[in-house]
Amino acid sequence: MPREVDPKRTRKALRQVRKLASLQEAVEGETPPDYSGWEKEFLSEVEARLDKYGSAFADLGKGAPDEALSRLQAQKLKEIEKKAKDKANGKEPRRSGFKRKAPPWAKSDE
């Protein structure tokens, strides 16, 4: 017996996945985001599962029963969306704040 998934949430997730996939096509004057192979595969597989089953996950321990995406899938979609938006706005990806600091004697006082 398949579980009941809210159709509105399925449509919302499908819209988000298709929007991210369509960003790959270049718009004049803009550079498209360069998705990795893993991200392209993830988007296509999630879209296929949403079309076929209405949900992209089967294990109820990974998300709410009425949701279309698991918590981790939703998080990954947000990360991919952020990467695409930053690329469109010309921002560089964030770097880690944990960097080695130069010793005090190596700093220049110019």
Protein backbone atom coordinates (compact mmCIF):
# COMPACT_ATOMS: atom_id res chain seq x y z
CA MET A 1 0.00 0.00 0.00
CA PRO A 2 1.62 3.28 -1.09
CA ARG A 3 1.70 6.10 1.37
CA GLU A 4 -0.29 9.26 0.92
CA VAL A 5 1.88 12.18 -0.14
CA ASP A 6 0.44 15.67 -0.35
CA PRO A 7 0.17 16.44 -4.10
CA LYS A 8 0.91 20.13 -3.46
CA ARG A 9 4.23 19.22 -1.87
CA THR A 10 5.04 16.89 -4.76
CA ARG A 11 4.33 19.65 -7.29
CA LYS A 12 6.40 22.12 -5.28
CA ALA A 13 9.37 19.73 -5.16
CA LEU A 14 9.04 18.95 -8.88
CA ARG A 15 8.92 22.66 -9.71
CA GLN A 16 12.07 23.27 -7.67
CA VAL A 17 13.97 20.36 -9.27
CA ARG A 18 12.92 21.34 -12.80
CA LYS A 19 13.86 24.97 -12.17
CA LEU A 20 17.36 23.95 -11.06
CA ALA A 21 17.72 21.63 -14.04
CA SER A 22 16.59 24.35 -16.46
CA LEU A 23 19.21 26.76 -15.10
CA GLN A 24 21.78 24.55 -16.79
CA GLU A 25 20.70 25.88 -20.20
CA ALA A 26 22.55 29.09 -20.88
CA VAL A 27 20.59 32.32 -20.94
CA GLU A 28 22.09 35.02 -23.10
CA GLY A 29 24.48 37.17 -21.09
CA GLU A 30 24.59 34.77 -18.15
CA THR A 31 26.91 31.89 -17.44
CA PRO A 32 25.08 28.73 -16.40
CA PRO A 33 26.01 27.04 -13.13
CA ASP A 34 28.49 24.25 -13.62
CA TYR A 35 26.86 21.32 -11.86
CA SER A 36 29.03 18.35 -11.08
CA GLY A 37 28.13 14.97 -12.53
CA TRP A 38 26.77 13.93 -9.16
CA GLU A 39 24.47 16.97 -8.96
CA LYS A 40 23.11 16.40 -12.48
CA GLU A 41 22.43 12.74 -11.69
CA PHE A 42 20.82 13.67 -8.35
CA LEU A 43 18.45 16.15 -10.00
CA SER A 44 17.42 13.71 -12.73
CA GLU A 45 16.87 10.81 -10.30
CA VAL A 46 14.84 12.91 -7.86
CA GLU A 47 12.70 14.21 -10.73
CA ALA A 48 12.10 10.67 -12.02
CA ARG A 49 11.09 9.41 -8.56
CA LEU A 50 8.75 12.35 -8.00
CA ASP A 51 7.09 11.73 -11.38
CA LYS A 52 6.71 8.00 -10.80
CA TYR A 53 5.94 7.69 -7.08
CA GLY A 54 5.01 11.20 -5.93
CA SER A 55 7.81 10.97 -3.38
CA ALA A 56 11.58 10.70 -3.72
CA PHE A 57 12.19 8.49 -0.66
CA ALA A 58 10.74 5.31 0.80
CA ASP A 59 12.26 5.10 4.30
CA LEU A 60 9.96 7.00 6.67
CA GLY A 61 12.82 7.44 9.12
CA LYS A 62 14.36 9.95 6.71
CA GLY A 63 11.44 12.34 6.51
CA ALA A 64 7.81 13.05 7.25
CA PRO A 65 5.26 10.69 5.65
CA ASP A 66 3.40 13.47 3.83
CA GLU A 67 6.56 15.13 2.44
CA ALA A 68 7.77 14.58 -1.12
CA LEU A 69 11.48 14.92 -0.26
CA SER A 70 13.49 13.58 2.65
CA ARG A 71 15.25 16.04 4.92
CA LEU A 72 18.64 15.33 3.34
CA GLN A 73 17.28 15.62 -0.21
CA ALA A 74 15.72 18.99 0.64
CA GLN A 75 19.00 20.15 2.15
CA LYS A 76 20.97 19.09 -0.95
CA LEU A 77 18.50 20.88 -3.23
CA LYS A 78 18.97 24.05 -1.17
CA GLU A 79 22.76 23.72 -1.49
CA ILE A 80 22.53 23.25 -5.27
CA GLU A 81 20.14 26.22 -5.51
CA LYS A 82 22.51 28.41 -3.49
CA LYS A 83 25.41 27.38 -5.72
CA ALA A 84 23.39 28.28 -8.83
CA LYS A 85 22.29 31.65 -7.41
CA ASP A 86 25.82 32.57 -6.35
CA LYS A 87 27.10 31.66 -9.81
CA ALA A 88 24.39 33.81 -11.44
CA ASN A 89 25.22 36.77 -9.17
CA GLY A 90 28.95 36.41 -9.77
CA LYS A 91 29.78 35.50 -6.19
CA GLU A 92 32.56 33.10 -5.34
CA PRO A 93 31.71 30.06 -3.21
CA ARG A 94 32.29 30.51 0.49
CA ARG A 95 35.53 29.27 1.89
CA SER A 96 36.19 27.76 5.26
CA GLY A 97 36.89 30.17 8.09
CA PHE A 98 39.37 27.79 9.65
CA LYS A 99 42.61 28.84 8.03
CA ARG A 100 46.13 28.84 9.23
CA LYS A 101 47.17 32.24 10.44
CA ALA A 102 50.59 33.62 9.72
CA PRO A 103 52.89 33.87 12.73
CA PRO A 104 53.13 37.38 14.24
CA TRP A 105 56.75 37.84 13.18
CA ALA A 106 55.86 37.19 9.53
CA LYS A 107 53.27 39.98 9.33
CA SER A 108 54.34 43.09 7.51
CA ASP A 109 53.64 46.50 9.07
CA GLU A 110 53.34 48.54 5.92
